[in-house]
Amino acid sequence: MTLSVALAGTDLIGQARTGTGKTLAFGIPVLQRSVGPEDDGYDALPAGKPQALVVAPTRELALQVSNDLKLAGSDRGIRVLTVYGGVGYEPQLEALEAGVEVVVGTPGRLLDLANKRALDLSHVRSLVLDEADEMLDLGFLPDVEKLLSKTPSSRQTMLFSATMPSAIVALARMHMRSPMNIRAESSYENATVPATAQHVYQAHDLDKPEIIGRILQADDADKIIVFTRTKRQAQRVADDLEERGFAASALHGDMAQAAREKALAKFRENKLRVLVATDVAARGIDVAGVSHVINHTCPEDDKTYVHRIGRTGRAGASGVAVTFVDWADVTRWKVINKTLDLPFDEPVETYSTSPHLYTELSIPEGTKGRIAPEKPREPRESSRSSREPREKRDGDRPSRNRDRTRTRTRSGERLEGAASPTAAAVETTAVVEGDGPAEGEPRTDGASRNRRRRRRSRGGAGRSAEGAGSGAEATADAPAASAGAEG
């Protein structure tokens, strides 16, 4: 329906559910209106300046669209460049300098390169906004408007979206010239794919891994995508399935771009059976042979639900969509169910042993949620007394009972060696009693220096001894003091 309008150069708005071939609907007109190096009139164009711009909300979707355009335009030698964040600038800058005809990218990196004047958009003839509603949800509309302002007003603009929020309508009115609206369905209530069998179960969070493991072994199970609400959930579910023996991998924003592309490539090449992804990371997934979509957590809204289950049942194929609803998400699910006019207002309480789970999803009897033997757990010591003493490590606190090393005498002179606790106690006792040096031994602390007063003992013995000593010293010093006064 859109080809004749798009090939004529008219602005258009295409609204259809996901998986209906929207990429070729704008891809063919974009390639047709672009002049390749082998076409007549190419030499008269500015060398290497992009003639078409396709904006996508996620890196995965940008890569998918770029691969489709490369394949379709390979016979004419049209060069297609994919631009997105998370990777280095150098390869993208080199490709832009060498020259390209079509640029496909995400809003952030496209605007960054345009602001650096590495990406010249002044010669763009065709501009495409793919999955515009998702760009609205991710907050990319301000960047999209800045990109539109850098392109010629005479361009052809094509906007494609599964839903049409008011903000997207306002964007179209502001930046498009009398666009033609083409809708594949008569109403949004029919946005879900009819060929997809939908099942909604109320399941306990701790039982979900076991249920998913059994669904993976259903008779018609092939490639399966599991959707989670958070990145941490995606990684945890993927690790759990891998430990159960299934070839699974996570796909979320915390992964490096190279790791995300590697996981997606393995999934396409049937080296992975299960892909556990968040909504944003899986936005551009268009993989043939996805038989099941499992919503590990209830979607946030009806649009998210439509996009999730749209990964299966694509291009007329059949598929299965299973949604788990927690007890806390029942109200949210009822809103989604009413909006989409689905017959699942009361999700069925389901466990991994429920008979209807096997019947409805064609799971063989006796199937368990594990195909690899469970790893034995290491025994844990129950009592502290049975543990062997560990070796001393750096950073441990010193023992309170260790011998202290004495480094100085009372007069300040340095000594070497360590004093035992017994010797230290003996020395302390001698000082408390007030005994001076032994008879015939010289004083080490100076004759003119008074002795330091010591703490009195609790019984008063130290007090009398100390008083006696001080009195003797006062008598001995009296003649010296009077002599000094006379002098």
Protein backbone atom coordinates (compact mmCIF):
# COMPACT_ATOMS: atom_id res chain seq x y z
CA MET A 1 0.00 0.00 0.00
CA THR A 2 2.83 2.40 0.77
CA LEU A 3 5.11 1.68 -2.20
CA SER A 4 3.18 3.68 -4.78
CA VAL A 5 2.86 6.67 -2.44
CA ALA A 6 6.48 6.55 -1.28
CA LEU A 7 7.90 6.11 -4.78
CA ALA A 8 5.99 9.23 -5.84
CA GLY A 9 7.90 11.27 -3.25
CA THR A 10 4.90 12.04 -1.03
CA ASP A 11 5.27 12.27 2.75
CA LEU A 12 3.49 9.46 4.51
CA ILE A 13 2.66 8.06 7.93
CA GLY A 14 2.50 4.28 8.12
CA GLN A 15 0.82 2.62 11.08
CA ALA A 16 0.82 -1.14 11.40
CA ARG A 17 1.53 -3.79 13.96
CA THR A 18 5.08 -5.03 14.26
CA GLY A 19 6.23 -7.81 11.97
CA THR A 20 4.34 -6.72 8.85
CA GLY A 21 7.32 -5.81 6.66
CA LYS A 22 7.63 -2.08 7.34
CA THR A 23 11.39 -2.11 6.61
CA LEU A 24 10.94 -2.87 2.93
CA ALA A 25 7.99 -0.48 2.77
CA PHE A 26 10.38 2.43 3.22
CA GLY A 27 13.62 0.68 2.20
CA ILE A 28 12.67 0.20 -1.45
CA PRO A 29 11.66 3.86 -1.98
CA VAL A 30 14.79 5.09 -0.16
CA LEU A 31 17.06 3.02 -2.41
CA GLN A 32 15.10 3.92 -5.50
CA ARG A 33 15.46 7.66 -4.85
CA SER A 34 19.19 7.37 -4.06
CA VAL A 35 21.81 7.69 -6.81
CA GLY A 36 24.59 5.13 -6.61
CA PRO A 37 28.18 5.37 -7.87
CA GLU A 38 27.26 3.31 -10.94
CA ASP A 39 24.15 5.38 -11.83
CA ASP A 40 23.95 8.24 -14.27
CA GLY A 41 24.22 11.69 -12.72
CA TYR A 42 26.27 10.54 -9.73
CA ASP A 43 29.24 12.71 -10.71
CA ALA A 44 27.07 15.83 -10.58
CA LEU A 45 26.22 15.22 -6.90
CA PRO A 46 28.36 16.38 -3.95
CA ALA A 47 30.99 13.72 -3.45
CA GLY A 48 30.05 11.19 -0.77
CA LYS A 49 27.30 13.23 0.88
CA PRO A 50 24.43 11.13 2.33
CA GLN A 51 21.25 11.20 0.27
CA ALA A 52 19.04 9.29 2.72
CA LEU A 53 18.80 9.17 6.52
CA VAL A 54 17.04 6.47 8.55
CA VAL A 55 16.63 7.09 12.29
CA ALA A 56 15.98 4.12 14.59
CA PRO A 57 15.54 4.06 18.38
CA THR A 58 17.99 1.24 19.21
CA ARG A 59 21.30 -0.09 17.96
CA GLU A 60 19.83 -3.53 17.24
CA LEU A 61 17.09 -2.07 15.06
CA ALA A 62 19.60 0.17 13.25
CA LEU A 63 21.77 -2.86 12.47
CA GLN A 64 18.77 -4.85 11.27
CA VAL A 65 17.56 -2.08 8.94
CA SER A 66 21.09 -1.46 7.68
CA ASN A 67 21.61 -5.12 6.82
CA ASP A 68 18.33 -5.23 4.88
CA LEU A 69 19.23 -2.09 2.92
CA LYS A 70 22.73 -3.38 2.15
CA LEU A 71 21.28 -6.57 0.78
CA ALA A 72 18.65 -4.80 -1.32
CA GLY A 73 21.06 -2.18 -2.71
CA SER A 74 24.10 -4.34 -3.28
CA ASP A 75 23.47 -4.71 -7.04
CA ARG A 76 23.61 -0.95 -7.54
CA GLY A 77 26.66 -0.42 -5.36
CA ILE A 78 24.83 1.80 -2.86
CA ARG A 79 26.88 2.25 0.28
CA VAL A 80 25.04 2.01 3.60
CA LEU A 81 26.62 3.09 6.91
CA THR A 82 25.35 2.17 10.37
CA VAL A 83 25.96 4.78 13.07
CA TYR A 84 25.33 4.18 16.78
CA GLY A 85 26.90 4.78 20.15
CA GLY A 86 28.89 2.42 22.32
CA VAL A 87 31.66 1.98 19.74
CA GLY A 88 34.59 4.09 18.59
CA TYR A 89 34.23 7.10 16.30
CA GLU A 90 37.13 6.28 13.98
CA PRO A 91 35.49 3.67 11.69
CA GLN A 92 32.37 5.81 11.31
CA LEU A 93 34.38 8.97 10.59
CA GLU A 94 36.49 7.13 8.00
CA ALA A 95 33.38 5.77 6.26
CA LEU A 96 31.77 9.23 6.16
CA GLU A 97 34.94 10.73 4.74
CA ALA A 98 35.08 8.03 2.05
CA GLY A 99 31.45 8.72 1.15
CA VAL A 100 28.11 6.95 1.66
CA GLU A 101 24.65 7.18 0.12
CA VAL A 102 22.49 6.01 3.04
CA VAL A 103 23.08 6.50 6.78
CA VAL A 104 21.16 4.45 9.35
CA GLY A 105 21.65 5.27 13.01
CA THR A 106 20.39 6.14 16.46
CA PRO A 107 19.49 9.74 17.32
CA GLY A 108 22.25 10.37 19.86
CA ARG A 109 25.25 9.43 17.72
CA LEU A 110 23.74 10.95 14.56
CA LEU A 111 23.29 14.31 16.27
CA ASP A 112 26.77 14.09 17.78
CA LEU A 113 28.39 13.56 14.38
CA ALA A 114 26.24 16.28 12.83
CA ASN A 115 27.26 18.78 15.51
CA LYS A 116 30.91 17.92 14.84
CA ARG A 117 30.29 18.59 11.13
CA ALA A 118 31.42 15.06 10.30
CA LEU A 119 27.92 14.19 9.07
CA ASP A 120 26.54 16.55 6.42
CA LEU A 121 22.74 16.32 6.18
CA SER A 122 22.25 19.23 3.81
CA HIS A 123 21.79 16.93 0.78
CA VAL A 124 19.32 14.43 2.28
CA ARG A 125 16.47 13.59 -0.10
CA SER A 126 14.68 10.93 1.97
CA LEU A 127 14.29 10.80 5.74
CA VAL A 128 12.71 7.89 7.62
CA LEU A 129 11.67 7.73 11.29
CA ASP A 130 11.27 4.06 12.17
CA GLU A 131 9.47 2.99 15.37
CA ALA A 132 8.68 6.62 16.18
CA ASP A 133 6.57 5.70 19.21
CA GLU A 134 9.55 3.94 20.76
CA MET A 135 11.72 7.02 20.23
CA LEU A 136 9.06 8.97 22.08
CA ASP A 137 9.13 6.51 25.00
CA LEU A 138 12.94 6.69 25.19
CA GLY A 139 12.97 10.48 25.20
CA PHE A 140 14.64 10.88 21.79
CA LEU A 141 12.14 13.31 20.26
CA PRO A 142 14.21 16.45 21.06
CA ASP A 143 17.21 14.92 19.27
CA VAL A 144 15.01 13.89 16.36
CA GLU A 145 13.69 17.44 15.98
CA LYS A 146 17.27 18.80 15.93
CA LEU A 147 18.18 16.31 13.22
CA LEU A 148 15.15 17.31 11.18
CA SER A 149 16.19 20.95 11.39
CA LYS A 150 19.55 20.08 9.78
CA THR A 151 17.95 18.54 6.68
CA PRO A 152 16.48 20.38 3.65
CA SER A 153 12.81 21.33 3.84
CA SER A 154 12.29 19.78 0.40
CA ARG A 155 13.06 16.28 1.65
CA GLN A 156 10.59 13.39 1.64
CA THR A 157 9.69 12.30 5.18
CA MET A 158 8.30 8.88 6.04
CA LEU A 159 7.22 8.03 9.58
CA PHE A 160 6.41 4.47 10.67
CA SER A 161 5.02 3.44 14.02
CA ALA A 162 2.98 0.67 15.59
CA THR A 163 1.07 3.22 17.67
CA MET A 164 0.33 6.90 17.15
CA PRO A 165 0.52 8.92 20.40
CA SER A 166 -0.39 12.60 20.39
CA ALA A 167 3.26 13.69 20.54
CA ILE A 168 4.03 11.77 17.33
CA VAL A 169 1.02 13.36 15.65
CA ALA A 170 2.28 16.81 16.67
CA LEU A 171 5.75 15.99 15.33
CA ALA A 172 4.26 14.93 11.99
CA ARG A 173 2.20 18.11 11.67
CA MET A 174 5.22 20.28 12.37
CA HIS A 175 7.82 18.63 10.13
CA MET A 176 5.83 16.89 7.37
CA ARG A 177 4.09 18.30 4.30
CA SER A 178 0.52 17.06 3.92
CA PRO A 179 1.38 13.46 4.82
CA MET A 180 -0.80 10.61 3.69
CA ASN A 181 -1.91 8.31 6.51
CA ILE A 182 -1.84 4.60 5.75
CA ARG A 183 -3.11 2.20 8.41
CA ALA A 184 -2.89 -1.54 7.98
CA GLU A 185 -5.61 -2.27 10.59
CA SER A 186 -8.95 -0.64 11.11
CA SER A 187 -8.50 -0.23 14.86
CA TYR A 188 -5.76 -0.46 17.44
CA GLU A 189 -7.57 -3.18 19.34
CA ASN A 190 -6.48 -5.58 16.60
CA ALA A 191 -2.81 -4.64 17.00
CA THR A 192 -1.85 -8.11 18.23
CA VAL A 193 -0.95 -10.67 15.60
CA PRO A 194 -3.89 -13.04 15.00
CA ALA A 195 -1.58 -15.96 14.21
CA THR A 196 -0.04 -15.79 17.69
CA ALA A 197 -1.65 -18.01 20.32
CA GLN A 198 -1.69 -16.10 23.61
CA HIS A 199 -1.64 -17.59 27.11
CA VAL A 200 -1.70 -15.68 30.40
CA TYR A 201 -0.82 -17.39 33.69
CA GLN A 202 -0.62 -16.20 37.26
CA ALA A 203 2.66 -17.75 38.45
CA HIS A 204 4.91 -17.49 41.48
CA ASP A 205 8.27 -15.86 40.88
CA LEU A 206 10.23 -18.75 42.38
CA ASP A 207 8.45 -21.26 40.12
CA LYS A 208 8.97 -19.32 36.87
CA PRO A 209 12.41 -20.82 36.02
CA GLU A 210 10.99 -24.32 36.29
CA ILE A 211 7.98 -23.42 34.13
CA ILE A 212 10.17 -21.77 31.48
CA GLY A 213 12.47 -24.80 31.44
CA ARG A 214 9.49 -27.02 30.65
CA ILE A 215 8.12 -24.67 27.97
CA LEU A 216 11.52 -24.80 26.25
CA GLN A 217 10.94 -28.53 25.72
CA ALA A 218 7.50 -28.20 24.14
CA ASP A 219 6.88 -30.07 20.91
CA ASP A 220 6.72 -26.93 18.76
CA ALA A 221 9.44 -24.96 20.56
CA ASP A 222 12.23 -23.53 18.42
CA LYS A 223 13.87 -20.17 19.14
CA ILE A 224 12.50 -18.46 22.22
CA ILE A 225 12.76 -14.90 23.50
CA VAL A 226 12.19 -14.23 27.20
CA PHE A 227 11.40 -10.64 28.16
CA THR A 228 12.20 -9.17 31.57
CA ARG A 229 11.54 -5.78 33.09
CA THR A 230 15.08 -5.01 34.31
CA LYS A 231 18.63 -5.70 33.18
CA ARG A 232 19.42 -7.51 36.41
CA GLN A 233 16.47 -9.85 35.90
CA ALA A 234 17.60 -10.59 32.33
CA GLN A 235 21.07 -11.60 33.46
CA ARG A 236 19.76 -13.67 36.36
CA VAL A 237 17.24 -15.59 34.23
CA ALA A 238 19.83 -16.23 31.50
CA ASP A 239 22.34 -17.57 34.03
CA ASP A 240 19.68 -19.79 35.60
CA LEU A 241 18.62 -21.27 32.25
CA GLU A 242 22.23 -21.86 31.26
CA GLU A 243 22.83 -23.68 34.55
CA ARG A 244 19.81 -25.86 33.76
CA GLY A 245 21.47 -26.94 30.52
CA PHE A 246 19.84 -24.66 27.94
CA ALA A 247 21.80 -22.61 25.40
CA ALA A 248 20.79 -19.16 26.64
CA SER A 249 22.26 -15.67 26.67
CA ALA A 250 21.23 -12.29 28.04
CA LEU A 251 20.75 -9.12 25.98
CA HIS A 252 20.60 -5.85 27.90
CA GLY A 253 22.10 -2.39 28.06
CA ASP A 254 24.84 -3.18 30.59
CA MET A 255 26.52 -5.52 28.10
CA ALA A 256 29.22 -4.22 25.79
CA GLN A 257 28.10 -3.59 22.24
CA ALA A 258 30.36 -6.33 20.90
CA ALA A 259 28.87 -8.83 23.35
CA ARG A 260 25.32 -7.83 22.38
CA GLU A 261 26.04 -8.24 18.68
CA LYS A 262 27.72 -11.59 19.31
CA ALA A 263 24.72 -12.90 21.28
CA LEU A 264 22.28 -11.73 18.61
CA ALA A 265 24.38 -13.29 15.84
CA LYS A 266 24.47 -16.64 17.67
CA PHE A 267 20.70 -16.48 18.12
CA ARG A 268 20.18 -15.91 14.40
CA GLU A 269 22.59 -18.74 13.52
CA ASN A 270 20.77 -21.22 15.81
CA LYS A 271 23.77 -21.44 18.14
CA LEU A 272 21.52 -20.10 20.90
CA ARG A 273 17.97 -21.24 21.54
CA VAL A 274 17.00 -18.74 24.19
CA LEU A 275 17.55 -14.98 24.30
CA VAL A 276 16.67 -13.23 27.57
CA ALA A 277 16.25 -9.54 26.81
CA THR A 278 14.91 -6.27 28.10
CA ASP A 279 12.36 -4.29 26.10
CA VAL A 280 14.82 -1.67 24.82
CA ALA A 281 17.53 -4.15 23.81
CA ALA A 282 15.10 -6.39 21.91
CA ARG A 283 13.37 -3.56 20.05
CA GLY A 284 15.12 -4.27 16.75
CA ILE A 285 15.13 -8.06 16.85
CA ASP A 286 13.76 -9.45 13.60
CA VAL A 287 14.78 -13.09 13.60
CA ALA A 288 13.08 -15.80 11.60
CA GLY A 289 11.95 -18.90 13.42
CA VAL A 290 11.03 -17.41 16.81
CA SER A 291 8.33 -19.83 17.96
CA HIS A 292 7.70 -18.57 21.51
CA VAL A 293 7.78 -15.28 23.35
CA ILE A 294 7.69 -15.51 27.14
CA ASN A 295 6.94 -12.46 29.27
CA HIS A 296 8.78 -13.28 32.49
CA THR A 297 7.23 -10.17 34.04
CA CYS A 298 4.02 -8.38 33.18
CA PRO A 299 4.56 -5.63 30.57
CA GLU A 300 4.29 -2.03 31.70
CA ASP A 301 1.47 -1.17 29.31
CA ASP A 302 -0.43 -2.34 26.24
CA LYS A 303 2.14 -0.92 23.79
CA THR A 304 4.94 -2.88 25.43
CA TYR A 305 2.83 -6.03 25.29
CA VAL A 306 2.17 -5.56 21.57
CA HIS A 307 5.84 -5.01 20.80
CA ARG A 308 6.94 -7.99 22.89
CA ILE A 309 4.64 -10.61 21.40
CA GLY A 310 5.28 -9.15 17.95
CA ARG A 311 8.70 -10.86 17.94
CA THR A 312 6.89 -14.08 17.04
CA GLY A 313 4.23 -14.73 14.42
CA ARG A 314 5.99 -12.43 11.95
CA ALA A 315 5.23 -12.24 8.24
CA GLY A 316 2.27 -14.59 8.51
CA ALA A 317 3.98 -17.29 10.57
CA SER A 318 2.38 -18.74 13.69
CA GLY A 319 3.72 -18.26 17.19
CA VAL A 320 3.03 -18.66 20.91
CA ALA A 321 3.07 -15.88 23.51
CA VAL A 322 3.11 -16.76 27.22
CA THR A 323 2.73 -14.05 29.86
CA PHE A 324 3.37 -14.47 33.58
CA VAL A 325 1.44 -12.15 35.88
CA ASP A 326 2.54 -11.77 39.48
CA TRP A 327 -0.07 -11.25 42.18
CA ALA A 328 1.07 -7.63 42.53
CA ASP A 329 0.61 -7.01 38.77
CA VAL A 330 -2.96 -8.23 38.43
CA THR A 331 -4.37 -4.70 38.30
CA ARG A 332 -1.85 -3.64 35.64
CA TRP A 333 -2.68 -6.67 33.54
CA LYS A 334 -6.42 -6.02 33.73
CA VAL A 335 -5.84 -2.56 32.24
CA ILE A 336 -3.81 -4.10 29.38
CA ASN A 337 -6.40 -6.81 28.85
CA LYS A 338 -9.23 -4.28 28.65
CA THR A 339 -7.36 -1.94 26.30
CA LEU A 340 -6.54 -4.72 23.83
CA ASP A 341 -9.89 -6.47 24.31
CA LEU A 342 -8.27 -9.78 25.25
CA PRO A 343 -10.14 -12.68 26.90
CA PHE A 344 -7.75 -13.03 29.88
CA ASP A 345 -9.27 -10.77 32.52
CA GLU A 346 -8.62 -13.38 35.24
CA PRO A 347 -5.23 -15.10 34.70
CA VAL A 348 -5.25 -18.77 35.62
CA GLU A 349 -3.16 -19.64 38.68
CA THR A 350 -0.50 -21.94 37.30
CA TYR A 351 2.42 -23.95 38.67
CA SER A 352 5.05 -26.08 36.98
CA THR A 353 3.01 -29.19 37.79
CA SER A 354 -0.37 -27.86 36.59
CA PRO A 355 -1.96 -30.24 34.05
CA HIS A 356 -3.35 -27.44 31.86
CA LEU A 357 0.19 -26.10 31.33
CA TYR A 358 1.18 -29.35 29.59
CA THR A 359 -2.02 -29.53 27.58
CA GLU A 360 -2.17 -25.94 26.32
CA LEU A 361 1.52 -25.63 25.44
CA SER A 362 2.07 -29.17 24.07
CA ILE A 363 4.64 -30.12 26.70
CA PRO A 364 5.36 -33.87 26.87
CA GLU A 365 4.30 -35.61 30.06
CA GLY A 366 7.05 -36.09 32.62
CA THR A 367 9.10 -33.14 31.34
CA LYS A 368 11.22 -31.40 33.94
CA GLY A 369 12.66 -27.91 33.83
CA ARG A 370 16.24 -29.13 33.65
CA ILE A 371 18.18 -31.07 31.05
CA ALA A 372 21.58 -30.92 32.75
CA PRO A 373 22.24 -32.65 36.09
CA GLU A 374 22.14 -30.32 39.04
CA LYS A 375 25.57 -29.47 40.38
CA PRO A 376 26.14 -30.81 43.92
CA ARG A 377 26.49 -28.16 46.54
CA GLU A 378 29.63 -28.07 48.65
CA PRO A 379 29.01 -28.97 52.32
CA ARG A 380 29.20 -26.11 54.76
CA GLU A 381 30.83 -26.27 58.17
CA SER A 382 28.18 -26.00 60.88
CA SER A 383 30.30 -25.17 63.95
CA ARG A 384 33.07 -22.66 64.42
CA SER A 385 35.09 -25.08 66.58
CA SER A 386 35.44 -27.56 63.69
CA ARG A 387 37.16 -25.06 61.44
CA GLU A 388 40.88 -25.27 61.00
CA PRO A 389 42.80 -22.19 62.09
CA ARG A 390 43.53 -20.06 59.10
CA GLU A 391 46.93 -18.71 58.29
CA LYS A 392 47.78 -15.18 59.26
CA ARG A 393 47.10 -12.68 56.50
CA ASP A 394 48.29 -9.20 55.81
CA GLY A 395 46.04 -6.62 57.41
CA ASP A 396 45.00 -8.82 60.38
CA ARG A 397 44.92 -7.12 63.76
CA PRO A 398 47.87 -7.93 65.99
CA SER A 399 47.30 -10.23 68.93
CA ARG A 400 46.88 -8.53 72.30
CA ASN A 401 49.11 -11.11 74.02
CA ARG A 402 52.16 -10.62 71.88
CA ASP A 403 55.39 -9.35 73.48
CA ARG A 404 56.09 -5.69 73.03
CA THR A 405 59.48 -4.58 71.86
CA ARG A 406 61.01 -1.88 74.06
CA THR A 407 62.95 0.68 72.05
CA ARG A 408 63.88 3.36 74.61
CA THR A 409 65.02 3.59 78.22
CA ARG A 410 63.59 6.02 80.72
CA SER A 411 66.39 8.48 79.94
CA GLY A 412 65.60 8.42 76.19
CA GLU A 413 68.44 6.15 75.03
CA ARG A 414 67.56 3.53 72.39
CA LEU A 415 67.68 -0.16 73.24
CA GLU A 416 67.47 -3.27 71.08
CA GLY A 417 65.68 -6.46 71.94
CA ALA A 418 62.29 -7.38 73.31
CA ALA A 419 61.14 -7.34 76.86
CA SER A 420 59.00 -10.23 78.02
CA PRO A 421 55.78 -9.59 79.92
CA THR A 422 57.36 -11.00 83.07
CA ALA A 423 60.35 -8.70 82.87
CA ALA A 424 58.10 -5.71 82.24
CA ALA A 425 56.05 -6.61 85.31
CA VAL A 426 59.14 -6.88 87.47
CA GLU A 427 60.41 -3.52 86.27
CA THR A 428 57.07 -1.86 86.94
CA THR A 429 56.98 -3.28 90.46
CA ALA A 430 60.44 -1.93 91.18
CA VAL A 431 59.48 1.55 90.05
CA VAL A 432 56.30 1.58 92.09
CA GLU A 433 58.15 0.67 95.27
CA GLY A 434 60.42 3.69 94.75
CA ASP A 435 63.77 1.84 94.92
CA GLY A 436 66.55 3.77 93.24
CA PRO A 437 69.69 2.28 91.72
CA ALA A 438 71.47 -0.46 93.59
CA GLU A 439 74.23 0.51 95.92
CA GLY A 440 77.47 1.18 94.07
CA GLU A 441 75.72 1.58 90.66
CA PRO A 442 75.67 4.94 88.88
CA ARG A 443 72.36 6.68 88.15
CA THR A 444 71.37 6.58 84.47
CA ASP A 445 68.86 9.38 84.55
CA GLY A 446 71.10 12.24 85.75
CA ALA A 447 71.84 13.34 89.35
CA SER A 448 70.10 16.68 89.09
CA ARG A 449 66.88 15.22 87.58
CA ASN A 450 64.06 14.50 90.02
CA ARG A 451 62.42 11.14 89.77
CA ARG A 452 59.01 10.94 88.11
CA ARG A 453 56.20 10.47 90.56
CA ARG A 454 54.33 7.19 90.20
CA ARG A 455 50.72 6.34 90.79
CA ARG A 456 49.89 5.42 94.34
CA SER A 457 48.79 1.91 95.03
CA ARG A 458 45.32 1.20 96.35
CA GLY A 459 46.64 0.06 99.76
CA GLY A 460 48.79 3.13 100.43
CA ALA A 461 52.10 1.23 100.54
CA GLY A 462 53.46 3.12 97.60
CA ARG A 463 52.50 6.38 99.33
CA SER A 464 54.66 5.82 102.41
CA ALA A 465 57.58 4.58 100.38
CA GLU A 466 57.33 7.50 98.04
CA GLY A 467 57.06 9.96 100.96
CA ALA A 468 60.11 8.46 102.64
CA GLY A 469 62.13 8.71 99.46
CA SER A 470 61.15 12.30 98.81
CA GLY A 471 61.94 13.29 102.42
CA ALA A 472 65.45 11.86 102.17
CA GLU A 473 66.05 13.70 98.96
CA ALA A 474 64.87 17.00 100.50
CA THR A 475 67.31 16.58 103.46
CA ALA A 476 70.19 15.80 101.13
CA ASP A 477 69.50 18.80 98.92
CA ALA A 478 69.09 21.34 101.75
CA PRO A 479 72.84 22.11 102.26
CA ALA A 480 73.30 22.58 98.54
CA ALA A 481 70.41 25.04 98.40
CA SER A 482 71.73 27.10 101.35
CA ALA A 483 75.21 27.13 99.87
CA GLY A 484 73.85 28.46 96.64
CA ALA A 485 72.02 31.25 98.52
CA GLU A 486 75.16 32.35 100.35
CA GLY A 487 77.20 32.41 97.17
